[in-house]
Amino acid sequence: VIELDLEQLPEGDEILSILRQENVPLHIWLTLAKHYYKQGKAKDFVLLLENCHKDAALDYREHESDKMLALDMLAAYYVRLGRKEKSREAKKKHFATATALYTQA
């Protein structure tokens, strides 16, 4: 059993390594990603959500809905980036990424 202080989470690469080694269920990855986002650590938020599909444990009943939630969370993040972006090209890239994620969900 690993305990983490959600107010003082480790760097994203470190938590990613721990989650992989311990074969942690997807719903825990999502909870941690939300906490990183709330703490303004968008890079770590994205890192967890981009890696959870291939590395998280999916051996529980609700894993399909959690997979969709992970894609939706990441897509919404890219929509938000696109709305804030000033550069037309970057805006287009963020929206295209969001569209691909929503389609995948």
PDB file of N, CA and C in Angstrom:
ATOM      1  N   VAL A   1       0.842  -1.180   0.000  1.00  0.00           N
ATOM      2  CA  VAL A   1       0.000   0.000   0.000  1.00  0.00           C
ATOM      3  C   VAL A   1       0.887   1.243   0.000  1.00  0.00           C
ATOM      4  N   ILE A   2       0.589   2.141  -0.918  1.00  0.00           N
ATOM      5  CA  ILE A   2       1.333   3.395  -1.024  1.00  0.00           C
ATOM      6  C   ILE A   2       0.396   4.522  -0.639  1.00  0.00           C
ATOM      7  N   GLU A   3       0.872   5.405   0.212  1.00  0.00           N
ATOM      8  CA  GLU A   3       0.087   6.564   0.613  1.00  0.00           C
ATOM      9  C   GLU A   3       0.745   7.818   0.063  1.00  0.00           C
ATOM     10  N   LEU A   4      -0.085   8.699  -0.464  1.00  0.00           N
ATOM     11  CA  LEU A   4       0.396   9.965  -1.008  1.00  0.00           C
ATOM     12  C   LEU A   4      -0.361  11.117  -0.364  1.00  0.00           C
ATOM     13  N   ASP A   5       0.358  12.179  -0.107  1.00  0.00           N
ATOM     14  CA  ASP A   5      -0.274  13.412   0.358  1.00  0.00           C
ATOM     15  C   ASP A   5      -0.736  14.155  -0.891  1.00  0.00           C
ATOM     16  N   LEU A   6      -2.039  14.244  -1.093  1.00  0.00           N
ATOM     17  CA  LEU A   6      -2.572  14.858  -2.308  1.00  0.00           C
ATOM     18  C   LEU A   6      -2.274  16.351  -2.410  1.00  0.00           C
ATOM     19  N   GLU A   7      -1.868  16.949  -1.317  1.00  0.00           N
ATOM     20  CA  GLU A   7      -1.505  18.371  -1.332  1.00  0.00           C
ATOM     21  C   GLU A   7      -0.035  18.570  -1.723  1.00  0.00           C
ATOM     22  N   GLN A   8       0.759  17.520  -1.632  1.00  0.00           N
ATOM     23  CA  GLN A   8       2.180  17.603  -1.970  1.00  0.00           C
ATOM     24  C   GLN A   8       2.568  16.399  -2.826  1.00  0.00           C
ATOM     25  N   LEU A   9       2.023  16.364  -4.022  1.00  0.00           N
ATOM     26  CA  LEU A   9       2.285  15.250  -4.924  1.00  0.00           C
ATOM     27  C   LEU A   9       3.707  15.330  -5.492  1.00  0.00           C
ATOM     28  N   PRO A  10       4.325  14.178  -5.734  1.00  0.00           N
ATOM     29  CA  PRO A  10       5.664  14.176  -6.330  1.00  0.00           C
ATOM     30  C   PRO A  10       5.613  14.621  -7.791  1.00  0.00           C
ATOM     31  N   GLU A  11       6.777  14.788  -8.393  1.00  0.00           N
ATOM     32  CA  GLU A  11       6.864  15.158  -9.810  1.00  0.00           C
ATOM     33  C   GLU A  11       6.124  14.110 -10.650  1.00  0.00           C
ATOM     34  N   GLY A  12       5.634  14.520 -11.800  1.00  0.00           N
ATOM     35  CA  GLY A  12       4.854  13.645 -12.661  1.00  0.00           C
ATOM     36  C   GLY A  12       5.575  12.375 -13.072  1.00  0.00           C
ATOM     37  N   ASP A  13       6.858  12.481 -13.427  1.00  0.00           N
ATOM     38  CA  ASP A  13       7.618  11.295 -13.832  1.00  0.00           C
ATOM     39  C   ASP A  13       7.737  10.296 -12.691  1.00  0.00           C
ATOM     40  N   GLU A  14       7.895  10.798 -11.488  1.00  0.00           N
ATOM     41  CA  GLU A  14       8.019   9.930 -10.320  1.00  0.00           C
ATOM     42  C   GLU A  14       6.703   9.198 -10.047  1.00  0.00           C
ATOM     43  N   ILE A  15       5.591   9.915 -10.089  1.00  0.00           N
ATOM     44  CA  ILE A  15       4.297   9.284  -9.823  1.00  0.00           C
ATOM     45  C   ILE A  15       3.953   8.309 -10.946  1.00  0.00           C
ATOM     46  N   LEU A  16       4.321   8.646 -12.165  1.00  0.00           N
ATOM     47  CA  LEU A  16       4.070   7.754 -13.292  1.00  0.00           C
ATOM     48  C   LEU A  16       4.791   6.419 -13.086  1.00  0.00           C
ATOM     49  N   SER A  17       6.017   6.491 -12.651  1.00  0.00           N
ATOM     50  CA  SER A  17       6.798   5.282 -12.368  1.00  0.00           C
ATOM     51  C   SER A  17       6.145   4.443 -11.265  1.00  0.00           C
ATOM     52  N   ILE A  18       5.695   5.100 -10.217  1.00  0.00           N
ATOM     53  CA  ILE A  18       5.040   4.401  -9.108  1.00  0.00           C
ATOM     54  C   ILE A  18       3.750   3.729  -9.580  1.00  0.00           C
ATOM     55  N   LEU A  19       2.947   4.458 -10.332  1.00  0.00           N
ATOM     56  CA  LEU A  19       1.668   3.918 -10.803  1.00  0.00           C
ATOM     57  C   LEU A  19       1.880   2.697 -11.694  1.00  0.00           C
ATOM     58  N   ARG A  20       2.892   2.770 -12.534  1.00  0.00           N
ATOM     59  CA  ARG A  20       3.201   1.633 -13.417  1.00  0.00           C
ATOM     60  C   ARG A  20       3.675   0.423 -12.613  1.00  0.00           C
ATOM     61  N   GLN A  21       4.596   0.650 -11.695  1.00  0.00           N
ATOM     62  CA  GLN A  21       5.164  -0.448 -10.908  1.00  0.00           C
ATOM     63  C   GLN A  21       4.111  -1.147 -10.058  1.00  0.00           C
ATOM     64  N   GLU A  22       3.198  -0.378  -9.510  1.00  0.00           N
ATOM     65  CA  GLU A  22       2.202  -0.932  -8.592  1.00  0.00           C
ATOM     66  C   GLU A  22       0.923  -1.415  -9.291  1.00  0.00           C
ATOM     67  N   ASN A  23       0.867  -1.254 -10.615  1.00  0.00           N
ATOM     68  CA  ASN A  23      -0.299  -1.688 -11.385  1.00  0.00           C
ATOM     69  C   ASN A  23      -1.599  -1.122 -10.795  1.00  0.00           C
ATOM     70  N   VAL A  24      -1.615   0.186 -10.666  1.00  0.00           N
ATOM     71  CA  VAL A  24      -2.707   0.914 -10.015  1.00  0.00           C
ATOM     72  C   VAL A  24      -3.914   1.029 -10.962  1.00  0.00           C
ATOM     73  N   PRO A  25      -5.132   0.845 -10.443  1.00  0.00           N
ATOM     74  CA  PRO A  25      -6.341   0.964 -11.268  1.00  0.00           C
ATOM     75  C   PRO A  25      -6.505   2.366 -11.867  1.00  0.00           C
ATOM     76  N   LEU A  26      -7.127   2.382 -13.021  1.00  0.00           N
ATOM     77  CA  LEU A  26      -7.320   3.623 -13.764  1.00  0.00           C
ATOM     78  C   LEU A  26      -8.000   4.715 -12.943  1.00  0.00           C
ATOM     79  N   HIS A  27      -8.983   4.381 -12.144  1.00  0.00           N
ATOM     80  CA  HIS A  27      -9.708   5.423 -11.396  1.00  0.00           C
ATOM     81  C   HIS A  27      -8.773   6.183 -10.446  1.00  0.00           C
ATOM     82  N   ILE A  28      -7.725   5.544  -9.960  1.00  0.00           N
ATOM     83  CA  ILE A  28      -6.741   6.238  -9.112  1.00  0.00           C
ATOM     84  C   ILE A  28      -5.914   7.194  -9.959  1.00  0.00           C
ATOM     85  N   TRP A  29      -5.557   6.782 -11.171  1.00  0.00           N
ATOM     86  CA  TRP A  29      -4.825   7.667 -12.094  1.00  0.00           C
ATOM     87  C   TRP A  29      -5.644   8.948 -12.324  1.00  0.00           C
ATOM     88  N   LEU A  30      -6.941   8.773 -12.523  1.00  0.00           N
ATOM     89  CA  LEU A  30      -7.812   9.927 -12.788  1.00  0.00           C
ATOM     90  C   LEU A  30      -7.891  10.859 -11.588  1.00  0.00           C
ATOM     91  N   THR A  31      -7.997  10.279 -10.416  1.00  0.00           N
ATOM     92  CA  THR A  31      -8.036  11.090  -9.195  1.00  0.00           C
ATOM     93  C   THR A  31      -6.747  11.891  -9.050  1.00  0.00           C
ATOM     94  N   LEU A  32      -5.621  11.248  -9.275  1.00  0.00           N
ATOM     95  CA  LEU A  32      -4.330  11.953  -9.173  1.00  0.00           C
ATOM     96  C   LEU A  32      -4.209  13.037 -10.247  1.00  0.00           C
ATOM     97  N   ALA A  33      -4.650  12.725 -11.454  1.00  0.00           N
ATOM     98  CA  ALA A  33      -4.594  13.720 -12.536  1.00  0.00           C
ATOM     99  C   ALA A  33      -5.399  14.966 -12.154  1.00  0.00           C
ATOM    100  N   LYS A  34      -6.580  14.766 -11.573  1.00  0.00           N
ATOM    101  CA  LYS A  34      -7.413  15.906 -11.144  1.00  0.00           C
ATOM    102  C   LYS A  34      -6.685  16.750 -10.099  1.00  0.00           C
ATOM    103  N   HIS A  35      -6.012  16.093  -9.193  1.00  0.00           N
ATOM    104  CA  HIS A  35      -5.290  16.832  -8.148  1.00  0.00           C
ATOM    105  C   HIS A  35      -4.115  17.615  -8.737  1.00  0.00           C
ATOM    106  N   TYR A  36      -3.433  17.037  -9.690  1.00  0.00           N
ATOM    107  CA  TYR A  36      -2.357  17.782 -10.355  1.00  0.00           C
ATOM    108  C   TYR A  36      -2.933  19.014 -11.055  1.00  0.00           C
ATOM    109  N   TYR A  37      -4.058  18.845 -11.727  1.00  0.00           N
ATOM    110  CA  TYR A  37      -4.681  19.970 -12.426  1.00  0.00           C
ATOM    111  C   TYR A  37      -5.084  21.066 -11.448  1.00  0.00           C
ATOM    112  N   LYS A  38      -5.699  20.674 -10.343  1.00  0.00           N
ATOM    113  CA  LYS A  38      -6.134  21.651  -9.336  1.00  0.00           C
ATOM    114  C   LYS A  38      -4.955  22.419  -8.739  1.00  0.00           C
ATOM    115  N   GLN A  39      -3.789  21.797  -8.713  1.00  0.00           N
ATOM    116  CA  GLN A  39      -2.583  22.435  -8.181  1.00  0.00           C
ATOM    117  C   GLN A  39      -1.831  23.228  -9.244  1.00  0.00           C
ATOM    118  N   GLY A  40      -2.413  23.327 -10.449  1.00  0.00           N
ATOM    119  CA  GLY A  40      -1.788  24.100 -11.510  1.00  0.00           C
ATOM    120  C   GLY A  40      -0.637  23.378 -12.198  1.00  0.00           C
ATOM    121  N   LYS A  41      -0.584  22.069 -12.046  1.00  0.00           N
ATOM    122  CA  LYS A  41       0.486  21.270 -12.658  1.00  0.00           C
ATOM    123  C   LYS A  41      -0.061  20.580 -13.905  1.00  0.00           C
ATOM    124  N   ALA A  42      -0.344  21.398 -14.916  1.00  0.00           N
ATOM    125  CA  ALA A  42      -0.974  20.902 -16.138  1.00  0.00           C
ATOM    126  C   ALA A  42      -0.103  19.881 -16.859  1.00  0.00           C
ATOM    127  N   LYS A  43       1.191  20.076 -16.842  1.00  0.00           N
ATOM    128  CA  LYS A  43       2.103  19.142 -17.516  1.00  0.00           C
ATOM    129  C   LYS A  43       1.954  17.736 -16.925  1.00  0.00           C
ATOM    130  N   ASP A  44       1.890  17.642 -15.606  1.00  0.00           N
ATOM    131  CA  ASP A  44       1.747  16.348 -14.948  1.00  0.00           C
ATOM    132  C   ASP A  44       0.343  15.765 -15.168  1.00  0.00           C
ATOM    133  N   PHE A  45      -0.662  16.621 -15.195  1.00  0.00           N
ATOM    134  CA  PHE A  45      -2.036  16.225 -15.506  1.00  0.00           C
ATOM    135  C   PHE A  45      -2.084  15.526 -16.867  1.00  0.00           C
ATOM    136  N   VAL A  46      -1.495  16.171 -17.870  1.00  0.00           N
ATOM    137  CA  VAL A  46      -1.468  15.626 -19.227  1.00  0.00           C
ATOM    138  C   VAL A  46      -0.654  14.333 -19.269  1.00  0.00           C
ATOM    139  N   LEU A  47       0.483  14.322 -18.592  1.00  0.00           N
ATOM    140  CA  LEU A  47       1.347  13.138 -18.567  1.00  0.00           C
ATOM    141  C   LEU A  47       0.578  11.912 -18.070  1.00  0.00           C
ATOM    142  N   LEU A  48      -0.154  12.054 -16.979  1.00  0.00           N
ATOM    143  CA  LEU A  48      -0.915  10.932 -16.439  1.00  0.00           C
ATOM    144  C   LEU A  48      -2.026  10.490 -17.395  1.00  0.00           C
ATOM    145  N   LEU A  49      -2.754  11.446 -17.934  1.00  0.00           N
ATOM    146  CA  LEU A  49      -3.870  11.092 -18.806  1.00  0.00           C
ATOM    147  C   LEU A  49      -3.408  10.505 -20.129  1.00  0.00           C
ATOM    148  N   GLU A  50      -2.271  10.939 -20.629  1.00  0.00           N
ATOM    149  CA  GLU A  50      -1.757  10.386 -21.882  1.00  0.00           C
ATOM    150  C   GLU A  50      -1.212   8.971 -21.706  1.00  0.00           C
ATOM    151  N   ASN A  51      -0.815   8.614 -20.510  1.00  0.00           N
ATOM    152  CA  ASN A  51      -0.219   7.306 -20.273  1.00  0.00           C
ATOM    153  C   ASN A  51      -1.160   6.302 -19.621  1.00  0.00           C
ATOM    154  N   CYS A  52      -2.259   6.752 -19.073  1.00  0.00           N
ATOM    155  CA  CYS A  52      -3.119   5.852 -18.304  1.00  0.00           C
ATOM    156  C   CYS A  52      -3.739   4.746 -19.143  1.00  0.00           C
ATOM    157  N   HIS A  53      -4.013   4.989 -20.400  1.00  0.00           N
ATOM    158  CA  HIS A  53      -4.697   3.986 -21.221  1.00  0.00           C
ATOM    159  C   HIS A  53      -3.857   2.738 -21.446  1.00  0.00           C
ATOM    160  N   LYS A  54      -2.561   2.918 -21.532  1.00  0.00           N
ATOM    161  CA  LYS A  54      -1.710   1.746 -21.788  1.00  0.00           C
ATOM    162  C   LYS A  54      -1.104   1.167 -20.513  1.00  0.00           C
ATOM    163  N   ASP A  55      -1.084   1.932 -19.422  1.00  0.00           N
ATOM    164  CA  ASP A  55      -0.373   1.494 -18.223  1.00  0.00           C
ATOM    165  C   ASP A  55      -1.236   1.204 -16.997  1.00  0.00           C
ATOM    166  N   ALA A  56      -2.439   1.703 -16.960  1.00  0.00           N
ATOM    167  CA  ALA A  56      -3.278   1.523 -15.765  1.00  0.00           C
ATOM    168  C   ALA A  56      -3.915   0.132 -15.739  1.00  0.00           C
ATOM    169  N   ALA A  57      -4.192  -0.339 -14.547  1.00  0.00           N
ATOM    170  CA  ALA A  57      -4.902  -1.607 -14.376  1.00  0.00           C
ATOM    171  C   ALA A  57      -6.374  -1.407 -14.730  1.00  0.00           C
ATOM    172  N   LEU A  58      -6.904  -2.302 -15.538  1.00  0.00           N
ATOM    173  CA  LEU A  58      -8.286  -2.186 -16.006  1.00  0.00           C
ATOM    174  C   LEU A  58      -9.138  -3.371 -15.573  1.00  0.00           C
ATOM    175  N   ASP A  59      -8.756  -4.007 -14.496  1.00  0.00           N
ATOM    176  CA  ASP A  59      -9.456  -5.211 -14.064  1.00  0.00           C
ATOM    177  C   ASP A  59     -10.511  -4.915 -12.989  1.00  0.00           C
ATOM    178  N   TYR A  60     -11.413  -3.998 -13.320  1.00  0.00           N
ATOM    179  CA  TYR A  60     -12.547  -3.701 -12.446  1.00  0.00           C
ATOM    180  C   TYR A  60     -13.735  -3.312 -13.323  1.00  0.00           C
ATOM    181  N   ARG A  61     -14.902  -3.391 -12.787  1.00  0.00           N
ATOM    182  CA  ARG A  61     -16.134  -3.278 -13.559  1.00  0.00           C
ATOM    183  C   ARG A  61     -16.282  -1.955 -14.327  1.00  0.00           C
ATOM    184  N   GLU A  62     -15.981  -0.846 -13.712  1.00  0.00           N
ATOM    185  CA  GLU A  62     -16.246   0.466 -14.327  1.00  0.00           C
ATOM    186  C   GLU A  62     -15.101   0.984 -15.202  1.00  0.00           C
ATOM    187  N   HIS A  63     -14.160   0.136 -15.573  1.00  0.00           N
ATOM    188  CA  HIS A  63     -12.991   0.646 -16.295  1.00  0.00           C
ATOM    189  C   HIS A  63     -13.342   1.266 -17.649  1.00  0.00           C
ATOM    190  N   GLU A  64     -14.376   0.771 -18.313  1.00  0.00           N
ATOM    191  CA  GLU A  64     -14.748   1.345 -19.617  1.00  0.00           C
ATOM    192  C   GLU A  64     -15.206   2.797 -19.473  1.00  0.00           C
ATOM    193  N   SER A  65     -16.029   3.079 -18.483  1.00  0.00           N
ATOM    194  CA  SER A  65     -16.481   4.456 -18.286  1.00  0.00           C
ATOM    195  C   SER A  65     -15.325   5.339 -17.826  1.00  0.00           C
ATOM    196  N   ASP A  66     -14.395   4.779 -17.069  1.00  0.00           N
ATOM    197  CA  ASP A  66     -13.219   5.554 -16.654  1.00  0.00           C
ATOM    198  C   ASP A  66     -12.301   5.850 -17.829  1.00  0.00           C
ATOM    199  N   LYS A  67     -12.218   4.927 -18.780  1.00  0.00           N
ATOM    200  CA  LYS A  67     -11.414   5.181 -19.988  1.00  0.00           C
ATOM    201  C   LYS A  67     -11.997   6.360 -20.762  1.00  0.00           C
ATOM    202  N   MET A  68     -13.332   6.393 -20.878  1.00  0.00           N
ATOM    203  CA  MET A  68     -13.979   7.514 -21.566  1.00  0.00           C
ATOM    204  C   MET A  68     -13.783   8.813 -20.795  1.00  0.00           C
ATOM    205  N   LEU A  69     -13.868   8.734 -19.480  1.00  0.00           N
ATOM    206  CA  LEU A  69     -13.666   9.920 -18.652  1.00  0.00           C
ATOM    207  C   LEU A  69     -12.259  10.482 -18.841  1.00  0.00           C
ATOM    208  N   ALA A  70     -11.263   9.613 -18.906  1.00  0.00           N
ATOM    209  CA  ALA A  70      -9.883  10.063 -19.107  1.00  0.00           C
ATOM    210  C   ALA A  70      -9.746  10.792 -20.440  1.00  0.00           C
ATOM    211  N   LEU A  71     -10.325  10.243 -21.490  1.00  0.00           N
ATOM    212  CA  LEU A  71     -10.273  10.893 -22.805  1.00  0.00           C
ATOM    213  C   LEU A  71     -11.015  12.227 -22.779  1.00  0.00           C
ATOM    214  N   ASP A  72     -12.172  12.257 -22.126  1.00  0.00           N
ATOM    215  CA  ASP A  72     -12.955  13.498 -22.031  1.00  0.00           C
ATOM    216  C   ASP A  72     -12.218  14.584 -21.247  1.00  0.00           C
ATOM    217  N   MET A  73     -11.572  14.178 -20.155  1.00  0.00           N
ATOM    218  CA  MET A  73     -10.814  15.146 -19.344  1.00  0.00           C
ATOM    219  C   MET A  73      -9.696  15.771 -20.165  1.00  0.00           C
ATOM    220  N   LEU A  74      -8.979  14.931 -20.895  1.00  0.00           N
ATOM    221  CA  LEU A  74      -7.868  15.426 -21.697  1.00  0.00           C
ATOM    222  C   LEU A  74      -8.369  16.292 -22.852  1.00  0.00           C
ATOM    223  N   ALA A  75      -9.450  15.876 -23.478  1.00  0.00           N
ATOM    224  CA  ALA A  75     -10.031  16.660 -24.573  1.00  0.00           C
ATOM    225  C   ALA A  75     -10.495  18.030 -24.078  1.00  0.00           C
ATOM    226  N   ALA A  76     -11.161  18.055 -22.934  1.00  0.00           N
ATOM    227  CA  ALA A  76     -11.625  19.329 -22.376  1.00  0.00           C
ATOM    228  C   ALA A  76     -10.452  20.249 -22.073  1.00  0.00           C
ATOM    229  N   TYR A  77      -9.355  19.681 -21.622  1.00  0.00           N
ATOM    230  CA  TYR A  77      -8.152  20.468 -21.356  1.00  0.00           C
ATOM    231  C   TYR A  77      -7.662  21.133 -22.648  1.00  0.00           C
ATOM    232  N   TYR A  78      -7.634  20.373 -23.741  1.00  0.00           N
ATOM    233  CA  TYR A  78      -7.170  20.939 -25.013  1.00  0.00           C
ATOM    234  C   TYR A  78      -8.148  21.972 -25.574  1.00  0.00           C
ATOM    235  N   VAL A  79      -9.430  21.794 -25.320  1.00  0.00           N
ATOM    236  CA  VAL A  79     -10.413  22.815 -25.719  1.00  0.00           C
ATOM    237  C   VAL A  79     -10.122  24.105 -24.957  1.00  0.00           C
ATOM    238  N   ARG A  80      -9.869  23.980 -23.673  1.00  0.00           N
ATOM    239  CA  ARG A  80      -9.571  25.154 -22.857  1.00  0.00           C
ATOM    240  C   ARG A  80      -8.293  25.854 -23.363  1.00  0.00           C
ATOM    241  N   LEU A  81      -7.272  25.057 -23.697  1.00  0.00           N
ATOM    242  CA  LEU A  81      -6.044  25.643 -24.248  1.00  0.00           C
ATOM    243  C   LEU A  81      -6.333  26.378 -25.555  1.00  0.00           C
ATOM    244  N   GLY A  82      -7.138  25.749 -26.391  1.00  0.00           N
ATOM    245  CA  GLY A  82      -7.481  26.363 -27.677  1.00  0.00           C
ATOM    246  C   GLY A  82      -8.207  27.686 -27.519  1.00  0.00           C
ATOM    247  N   ARG A  83      -9.080  27.761 -26.543  1.00  0.00           N
ATOM    248  CA  ARG A  83      -9.827  29.005 -26.305  1.00  0.00           C
ATOM    249  C   ARG A  83      -8.930  30.129 -25.801  1.00  0.00           C
ATOM    250  N   LYS A  84      -7.908  29.766 -25.039  1.00  0.00           N
ATOM    251  CA  LYS A  84      -6.998  30.775 -24.479  1.00  0.00           C
ATOM    252  C   LYS A  84      -5.934  31.218 -25.481  1.00  0.00           C
ATOM    253  N   GLU A  85      -5.662  30.367 -26.451  1.00  0.00           N
ATOM    254  CA  GLU A  85      -4.556  30.593 -27.382  1.00  0.00           C
ATOM    255  C   GLU A  85      -4.811  31.797 -28.291  1.00  0.00           C
ATOM    256  N   LYS A  86      -3.772  32.573 -28.509  1.00  0.00           N
ATOM    257  CA  LYS A  86      -3.865  33.733 -29.411  1.00  0.00           C
ATOM    258  C   LYS A  86      -3.490  33.348 -30.842  1.00  0.00           C
ATOM    259  N   SER A  87      -2.491  32.518 -30.974  1.00  0.00           N
ATOM    260  CA  SER A  87      -2.012  32.080 -32.286  1.00  0.00           C
ATOM    261  C   SER A  87      -3.065  31.218 -32.973  1.00  0.00           C
ATOM    262  N   ARG A  88      -3.387  31.591 -34.176  1.00  0.00           N
ATOM    263  CA  ARG A  88      -4.406  30.864 -34.931  1.00  0.00           C
ATOM    264  C   ARG A  88      -3.981  29.413 -35.187  1.00  0.00           C
ATOM    265  N   GLU A  89      -2.714  29.226 -35.503  1.00  0.00           N
ATOM    266  CA  GLU A  89      -2.187  27.885 -35.789  1.00  0.00           C
ATOM    267  C   GLU A  89      -2.210  26.999 -34.536  1.00  0.00           C
ATOM    268  N   ALA A  90      -1.780  27.535 -33.405  1.00  0.00           N
ATOM    269  CA  ALA A  90      -1.774  26.778 -32.153  1.00  0.00           C
ATOM    270  C   ALA A  90      -3.208  26.463 -31.723  1.00  0.00           C
ATOM    271  N   LYS A  91      -4.098  27.427 -31.902  1.00  0.00           N
ATOM    272  CA  LYS A  91      -5.513  27.235 -31.565  1.00  0.00           C
ATOM    273  C   LYS A  91      -6.078  26.057 -32.365  1.00  0.00           C
ATOM    274  N   LYS A  92      -5.764  26.058 -33.645  1.00  0.00           N
ATOM    275  CA  LYS A  92      -6.232  25.000 -34.536  1.00  0.00           C
ATOM    276  C   LYS A  92      -5.689  23.633 -34.102  1.00  0.00           C
ATOM    277  N   LYS A  93      -4.429  23.600 -33.705  1.00  0.00           N
ATOM    278  CA  LYS A  93      -3.790  22.358 -33.263  1.00  0.00           C
ATOM    279  C   LYS A  93      -4.459  21.817 -31.996  1.00  0.00           C
ATOM    280  N   HIS A  94      -4.718  22.696 -31.032  1.00  0.00           N
ATOM    281  CA  HIS A  94      -5.364  22.275 -29.781  1.00  0.00           C
ATOM    282  C   HIS A  94      -6.780  21.739 -30.039  1.00  0.00           C
ATOM    283  N   PHE A  95      -7.523  22.423 -30.882  1.00  0.00           N
ATOM    284  CA  PHE A  95      -8.882  21.972 -31.186  1.00  0.00           C
ATOM    285  C   PHE A  95      -8.873  20.644 -31.947  1.00  0.00           C
ATOM    286  N   ALA A  96      -7.896  20.463 -32.827  1.00  0.00           N
ATOM    287  CA  ALA A  96      -7.780  19.195 -33.560  1.00  0.00           C
ATOM    288  C   ALA A  96      -7.462  18.045 -32.593  1.00  0.00           C
ATOM    289  N   THR A  97      -6.608  18.301 -31.634  1.00  0.00           N
ATOM    290  CA  THR A  97      -6.274  17.288 -30.628  1.00  0.00           C
ATOM    291  C   THR A  97      -7.519  16.941 -29.807  1.00  0.00           C
ATOM    292  N   ALA A  98      -8.251  17.953 -29.394  1.00  0.00           N
ATOM    293  CA  ALA A  98      -9.478  17.732 -28.620  1.00  0.00           C
ATOM    294  C   ALA A  98     -10.495  16.929 -29.425  1.00  0.00           C
ATOM    295  N   THR A  99     -10.651  17.264 -30.689  1.00  0.00           N
ATOM    296  CA  THR A  99     -11.603  16.552 -31.556  1.00  0.00           C
ATOM    297  C   THR A  99     -11.226  15.078 -31.675  1.00  0.00           C
ATOM    298  N   ALA A 100      -9.947  14.818 -31.858  1.00  0.00           N
ATOM    299  CA  ALA A 100      -9.479  13.426 -31.964  1.00  0.00           C
ATOM    300  C   ALA A 100      -9.754  12.660 -30.677  1.00  0.00           C
ATOM    301  N   LEU A 101      -9.538  13.293 -29.546  1.00  0.00           N
ATOM    302  CA  LEU A 101      -9.792  12.636 -28.267  1.00  0.00           C
ATOM    303  C   LEU A 101     -11.281  12.381 -28.041  1.00  0.00           C
ATOM    304  N   TYR A 102     -12.103  13.363 -28.365  1.00  0.00           N
ATOM    305  CA  TYR A 102     -13.555  13.172 -28.204  1.00  0.00           C
ATOM    306  C   TYR A 102     -14.048  12.058 -29.145  1.00  0.00           C
ATOM    307  N   THR A 103     -13.501  11.988 -30.337  1.00  0.00           N
ATOM    308  CA  THR A 103     -13.870  10.945 -31.282  1.00  0.00           C
ATOM    309  C   THR A 103     -13.471   9.571 -30.759  1.00  0.00           C
ATOM    310  N   GLN A 104     -12.310   9.502 -30.166  1.00  0.00           N
ATOM    311  CA  GLN A 104     -11.805   8.247 -29.606  1.00  0.00           C
ATOM    312  C   GLN A 104     -12.664   7.778 -28.424  1.00  0.00           C
ATOM    313  N   ALA A 105     -13.188   8.750 -27.662  1.00  0.00           N
ATOM    314  CA  ALA A 105     -14.019   8.400 -26.494  1.00  0.00           C
ATOM    315  C   ALA A 105     -15.331   7.818 -26.963  1.00  0.00           C
TER     316      ALA A 105
END
